[in-house]
Amino acid sequence: MATVIDITSRIKNEEKFIVYNGKSYKVDDRKNTMIKVYSILNSAKEANIDTIDNAMIELLGKEAVKDFSGFSYSDYLVPFFATLACVQNKTYEEIEESFRKAQQ
């Protein structure tokens, strides 16, 4: 007799968004996108704005990066952390804390 495991109820496939000033930005957390993002983040020797920009372009798109480009560095980290929280199913605070620890 064949073994059948129905995974339908385990797959959420829900869309994720971050919102700034009433504008929603869809977070692309598909597997292939995440492979690119982790490659970008892991290839960088240290977190820098170019690395974050490239990851954000993959996750949110060029329009979002353009919309956030006038932010100070510390403010730019806010949408970055929020986006990572979405893709990792963690809270914003958990992502922020892990980033701060990694910087020490």
N, C-alpha and C. Protein backbone atom coordinates (compact mmCIF):
# COMPACT_ATOMS: atom_id res chain seq x y z
N MET A 1 0.84 -1.17 0.00
CA MET A 1 0.00 0.00 0.00
C MET A 1 0.90 1.25 0.00
N ALA A 2 0.54 2.23 -0.78
CA ALA A 2 1.31 3.47 -0.90
C ALA A 2 1.11 4.35 0.33
N THR A 3 2.16 5.05 0.70
CA THR A 3 2.07 6.02 1.77
C THR A 3 1.79 7.39 1.15
N VAL A 4 0.79 8.07 1.67
CA VAL A 4 0.43 9.38 1.17
C VAL A 4 0.39 10.35 2.35
N ILE A 5 1.13 11.42 2.23
CA ILE A 5 1.12 12.47 3.24
C ILE A 5 0.65 13.75 2.56
N ASP A 6 -0.49 14.22 2.96
CA ASP A 6 -1.07 15.42 2.37
C ASP A 6 -0.51 16.65 3.09
N ILE A 7 0.26 17.46 2.38
CA ILE A 7 0.89 18.64 2.97
C ILE A 7 0.09 19.92 2.72
N THR A 8 -1.05 19.80 2.08
CA THR A 8 -1.83 20.96 1.68
C THR A 8 -2.08 21.93 2.83
N SER A 9 -2.48 21.42 3.97
CA SER A 9 -2.81 22.31 5.09
C SER A 9 -1.57 22.93 5.74
N ARG A 10 -0.40 22.41 5.44
CA ARG A 10 0.83 22.94 6.02
C ARG A 10 1.44 24.08 5.20
N ILE A 11 1.03 24.20 3.96
CA ILE A 11 1.56 25.24 3.08
C ILE A 11 0.69 26.47 3.21
N LYS A 12 1.27 27.55 3.72
CA LYS A 12 0.50 28.77 3.94
C LYS A 12 0.42 29.63 2.68
N ASN A 13 1.51 29.76 1.98
CA ASN A 13 1.57 30.53 0.75
C ASN A 13 0.87 31.89 0.89
N GLU A 14 1.12 32.55 2.01
CA GLU A 14 0.48 33.85 2.25
C GLU A 14 1.42 34.98 1.81
N GLU A 15 0.82 36.03 1.31
CA GLU A 15 1.60 37.19 0.92
C GLU A 15 2.00 37.98 2.16
N LYS A 16 3.17 38.59 2.10
CA LYS A 16 3.67 39.38 3.21
C LYS A 16 3.98 40.78 2.70
N PHE A 17 3.73 41.76 3.57
CA PHE A 17 3.92 43.15 3.19
C PHE A 17 4.55 43.92 4.35
N ILE A 18 5.29 44.98 3.98
CA ILE A 18 5.62 46.01 4.96
C ILE A 18 4.91 47.27 4.49
N VAL A 19 4.59 48.15 5.42
CA VAL A 19 3.84 49.37 5.09
C VAL A 19 4.62 50.57 5.62
N TYR A 20 4.75 51.59 4.77
CA TYR A 20 5.37 52.85 5.17
C TYR A 20 4.53 53.99 4.60
N ASN A 21 4.11 54.89 5.47
CA ASN A 21 3.30 56.05 5.06
C ASN A 21 2.09 55.64 4.22
N GLY A 22 1.45 54.57 4.61
CA GLY A 22 0.25 54.13 3.91
C GLY A 22 0.49 53.35 2.63
N LYS A 23 1.74 53.22 2.22
CA LYS A 23 2.07 52.48 1.00
C LYS A 23 2.55 51.08 1.38
N SER A 24 1.99 50.07 0.73
CA SER A 24 2.37 48.69 0.99
C SER A 24 3.42 48.22 0.00
N TYR A 25 4.38 47.49 0.51
CA TYR A 25 5.43 46.90 -0.31
C TYR A 25 5.38 45.39 -0.10
N LYS A 26 5.15 44.65 -1.18
CA LYS A 26 5.06 43.20 -1.10
C LYS A 26 6.46 42.62 -0.91
N VAL A 27 6.59 41.73 0.05
CA VAL A 27 7.85 41.06 0.33
C VAL A 27 7.88 39.76 -0.46
N ASP A 28 8.88 39.61 -1.29
CA ASP A 28 9.04 38.40 -2.10
C ASP A 28 9.88 37.40 -1.31
N ASP A 29 9.22 36.46 -0.67
CA ASP A 29 9.95 35.48 0.14
C ASP A 29 9.95 34.09 -0.49
N ARG A 30 9.80 34.05 -1.81
CA ARG A 30 9.86 32.76 -2.49
C ARG A 30 11.25 32.14 -2.35
N LYS A 31 11.30 30.85 -2.44
CA LYS A 31 12.54 30.10 -2.24
C LYS A 31 13.68 30.62 -3.12
N ASN A 32 13.45 30.80 -4.40
CA ASN A 32 14.52 31.23 -5.30
C ASN A 32 15.01 32.64 -4.96
N THR A 33 14.10 33.50 -4.54
CA THR A 33 14.49 34.85 -4.12
C THR A 33 15.37 34.75 -2.88
N MET A 34 14.99 33.91 -1.94
CA MET A 34 15.75 33.79 -0.70
C MET A 34 17.14 33.20 -0.94
N ILE A 35 17.27 32.32 -1.92
CA ILE A 35 18.60 31.81 -2.28
C ILE A 35 19.48 32.97 -2.73
N LYS A 36 18.94 33.86 -3.56
CA LYS A 36 19.70 35.03 -4.02
C LYS A 36 20.05 35.94 -2.85
N VAL A 37 19.08 36.19 -1.97
CA VAL A 37 19.29 37.10 -0.84
C VAL A 37 20.36 36.55 0.09
N TYR A 38 20.27 35.27 0.44
CA TYR A 38 21.28 34.69 1.33
C TYR A 38 22.65 34.69 0.68
N SER A 39 22.70 34.52 -0.63
CA SER A 39 23.98 34.60 -1.33
C SER A 39 24.56 36.02 -1.23
N ILE A 40 23.72 37.02 -1.40
CA ILE A 40 24.15 38.42 -1.29
C ILE A 40 24.66 38.69 0.12
N LEU A 41 23.88 38.30 1.12
CA LEU A 41 24.24 38.60 2.51
C LEU A 41 25.48 37.82 2.96
N ASN A 42 25.58 36.56 2.54
CA ASN A 42 26.71 35.74 2.97
C ASN A 42 28.01 36.08 2.25
N SER A 43 27.92 36.66 1.06
CA SER A 43 29.13 37.00 0.32
C SER A 43 29.77 38.30 0.82
N ALA A 44 29.00 39.09 1.55
CA ALA A 44 29.53 40.36 2.08
C ALA A 44 30.37 40.08 3.32
N LYS A 45 31.51 40.71 3.39
CA LYS A 45 32.37 40.54 4.56
C LYS A 45 31.79 41.24 5.78
N GLU A 46 31.06 42.31 5.54
CA GLU A 46 30.40 43.03 6.63
C GLU A 46 29.14 43.68 6.07
N ALA A 47 28.22 43.98 6.95
CA ALA A 47 26.99 44.64 6.50
C ALA A 47 27.32 46.06 6.04
N ASN A 48 26.97 46.37 4.82
CA ASN A 48 27.15 47.73 4.31
C ASN A 48 25.93 48.09 3.47
N ILE A 49 25.84 49.32 3.11
CA ILE A 49 24.65 49.81 2.43
C ILE A 49 24.45 49.14 1.07
N ASP A 50 25.52 48.83 0.35
CA ASP A 50 25.37 48.16 -0.95
C ASP A 50 24.78 46.77 -0.78
N THR A 51 25.24 46.06 0.24
CA THR A 51 24.72 44.72 0.51
C THR A 51 23.24 44.79 0.85
N ILE A 52 22.89 45.73 1.72
CA ILE A 52 21.49 45.89 2.11
C ILE A 52 20.64 46.30 0.91
N ASP A 53 21.13 47.24 0.10
CA ASP A 53 20.41 47.65 -1.11
C ASP A 53 20.13 46.46 -2.01
N ASN A 54 21.14 45.66 -2.27
CA ASN A 54 20.97 44.51 -3.17
C ASN A 54 19.98 43.49 -2.61
N ALA A 55 20.03 43.26 -1.32
CA ALA A 55 19.07 42.34 -0.69
C ALA A 55 17.66 42.93 -0.78
N MET A 56 17.54 44.22 -0.50
CA MET A 56 16.24 44.88 -0.54
C MET A 56 15.64 44.89 -1.95
N ILE A 57 16.47 45.06 -2.95
CA ILE A 57 15.99 45.03 -4.33
C ILE A 57 15.37 43.67 -4.63
N GLU A 58 16.03 42.61 -4.19
CA GLU A 58 15.49 41.26 -4.41
C GLU A 58 14.19 41.06 -3.65
N LEU A 59 14.12 41.53 -2.42
CA LEU A 59 12.98 41.27 -1.54
C LEU A 59 11.78 42.19 -1.79
N LEU A 60 12.04 43.45 -2.09
CA LEU A 60 10.97 44.44 -2.19
C LEU A 60 10.85 45.08 -3.57
N GLY A 61 11.92 45.04 -4.35
CA GLY A 61 11.92 45.65 -5.67
C GLY A 61 12.62 47.01 -5.67
N LYS A 62 12.97 47.45 -6.87
CA LYS A 62 13.71 48.70 -7.03
C LYS A 62 12.92 49.92 -6.58
N GLU A 63 11.61 49.90 -6.77
CA GLU A 63 10.79 51.06 -6.39
C GLU A 63 10.87 51.30 -4.88
N ALA A 64 10.82 50.24 -4.11
CA ALA A 64 10.91 50.39 -2.65
C ALA A 64 12.26 50.94 -2.24
N VAL A 65 13.32 50.42 -2.83
CA VAL A 65 14.66 50.91 -2.51
C VAL A 65 14.77 52.39 -2.87
N LYS A 66 14.19 52.76 -4.00
CA LYS A 66 14.18 54.18 -4.39
C LYS A 66 13.40 55.01 -3.37
N ASP A 67 12.25 54.51 -2.94
CA ASP A 67 11.42 55.23 -1.97
C ASP A 67 12.14 55.42 -0.63
N PHE A 68 12.99 54.47 -0.26
CA PHE A 68 13.70 54.53 1.01
C PHE A 68 15.08 55.16 0.90
N SER A 69 15.49 55.54 -0.29
CA SER A 69 16.88 55.98 -0.51
C SER A 69 17.25 57.27 0.20
N GLY A 70 16.28 58.09 0.55
CA GLY A 70 16.57 59.34 1.25
C GLY A 70 16.70 59.18 2.76
N PHE A 71 16.50 57.97 3.25
CA PHE A 71 16.58 57.73 4.69
C PHE A 71 18.02 57.78 5.18
N SER A 72 18.19 58.14 6.44
CA SER A 72 19.50 57.98 7.07
C SER A 72 19.79 56.48 7.17
N TYR A 73 21.04 56.12 7.41
CA TYR A 73 21.40 54.70 7.51
C TYR A 73 20.60 54.00 8.60
N SER A 74 20.49 54.62 9.77
CA SER A 74 19.76 53.97 10.87
C SER A 74 18.28 53.82 10.53
N ASP A 75 17.70 54.80 9.83
CA ASP A 75 16.31 54.68 9.40
C ASP A 75 16.15 53.65 8.28
N TYR A 76 17.15 53.53 7.41
CA TYR A 76 17.10 52.56 6.31
C TYR A 76 17.09 51.13 6.85
N LEU A 77 17.68 50.94 8.01
CA LEU A 77 17.67 49.61 8.61
C LEU A 77 16.26 49.18 9.04
N VAL A 78 15.39 50.14 9.30
CA VAL A 78 14.03 49.81 9.75
C VAL A 78 13.27 48.98 8.71
N PRO A 79 13.15 49.43 7.44
CA PRO A 79 12.46 48.57 6.47
C PRO A 79 13.22 47.28 6.18
N PHE A 80 14.54 47.33 6.29
CA PHE A 80 15.34 46.11 6.08
C PHE A 80 15.03 45.09 7.17
N PHE A 81 15.03 45.52 8.42
CA PHE A 81 14.71 44.60 9.52
C PHE A 81 13.27 44.09 9.41
N ALA A 82 12.35 44.97 9.05
CA ALA A 82 10.95 44.55 8.91
C ALA A 82 10.80 43.50 7.82
N THR A 83 11.52 43.69 6.73
CA THR A 83 11.47 42.74 5.62
C THR A 83 12.04 41.40 6.05
N LEU A 84 13.18 41.43 6.74
CA LEU A 84 13.77 40.18 7.22
C LEU A 84 12.85 39.48 8.22
N ALA A 85 12.18 40.26 9.04
CA ALA A 85 11.22 39.67 9.99
C ALA A 85 10.12 38.94 9.23
N CYS A 86 9.64 39.52 8.15
CA CYS A 86 8.61 38.86 7.34
C CYS A 86 9.09 37.53 6.77
N VAL A 87 10.27 37.53 6.19
CA VAL A 87 10.73 36.32 5.52
C VAL A 87 11.18 35.24 6.50
N GLN A 88 11.58 35.64 7.69
CA GLN A 88 12.06 34.66 8.67
C GLN A 88 11.00 34.31 9.72
N ASN A 89 9.80 34.87 9.57
CA ASN A 89 8.72 34.62 10.53
C ASN A 89 9.15 34.90 11.96
N LYS A 90 9.84 36.02 12.12
CA LYS A 90 10.27 36.48 13.44
C LYS A 90 9.70 37.87 13.67
N THR A 91 9.86 38.36 14.88
CA THR A 91 9.42 39.72 15.16
C THR A 91 10.49 40.70 14.70
N TYR A 92 10.07 41.93 14.53
CA TYR A 92 11.02 42.99 14.19
C TYR A 92 12.12 43.06 15.24
N GLU A 93 11.72 42.98 16.51
CA GLU A 93 12.68 43.11 17.62
C GLU A 93 13.71 41.98 17.61
N GLU A 94 13.29 40.78 17.25
CA GLU A 94 14.24 39.67 17.17
C GLU A 94 15.29 39.90 16.10
N ILE A 95 14.87 40.41 14.96
CA ILE A 95 15.81 40.69 13.87
C ILE A 95 16.76 41.81 14.27
N GLU A 96 16.22 42.87 14.84
CA GLU A 96 17.05 44.00 15.27
C GLU A 96 18.09 43.56 16.29
N GLU A 97 17.69 42.75 17.24
CA GLU A 97 18.61 42.27 18.26
C GLU A 97 19.71 41.39 17.68
N SER A 98 19.35 40.51 16.77
CA SER A 98 20.38 39.64 16.16
C SER A 98 21.36 40.46 15.33
N PHE A 99 20.88 41.51 14.67
CA PHE A 99 21.77 42.39 13.91
C PHE A 99 22.73 43.12 14.85
N ARG A 100 22.21 43.64 15.93
CA ARG A 100 23.04 44.37 16.90
C ARG A 100 24.11 43.45 17.48
N LYS A 101 23.74 42.21 17.81
CA LYS A 101 24.71 41.26 18.36
C LYS A 101 25.80 40.94 17.35
N ALA A 102 25.41 40.81 16.08
CA ALA A 102 26.38 40.51 15.03
C ALA A 102 27.36 41.66 14.81
N GLN A 103 26.93 42.86 15.11
CA GLN A 103 27.79 44.04 14.93
C GLN A 103 28.83 44.20 16.03
N GLN A 104 28.64 43.49 17.13
CA GLN A 104 29.57 43.64 18.28
C GLN A 104 30.81 42.82 18.10
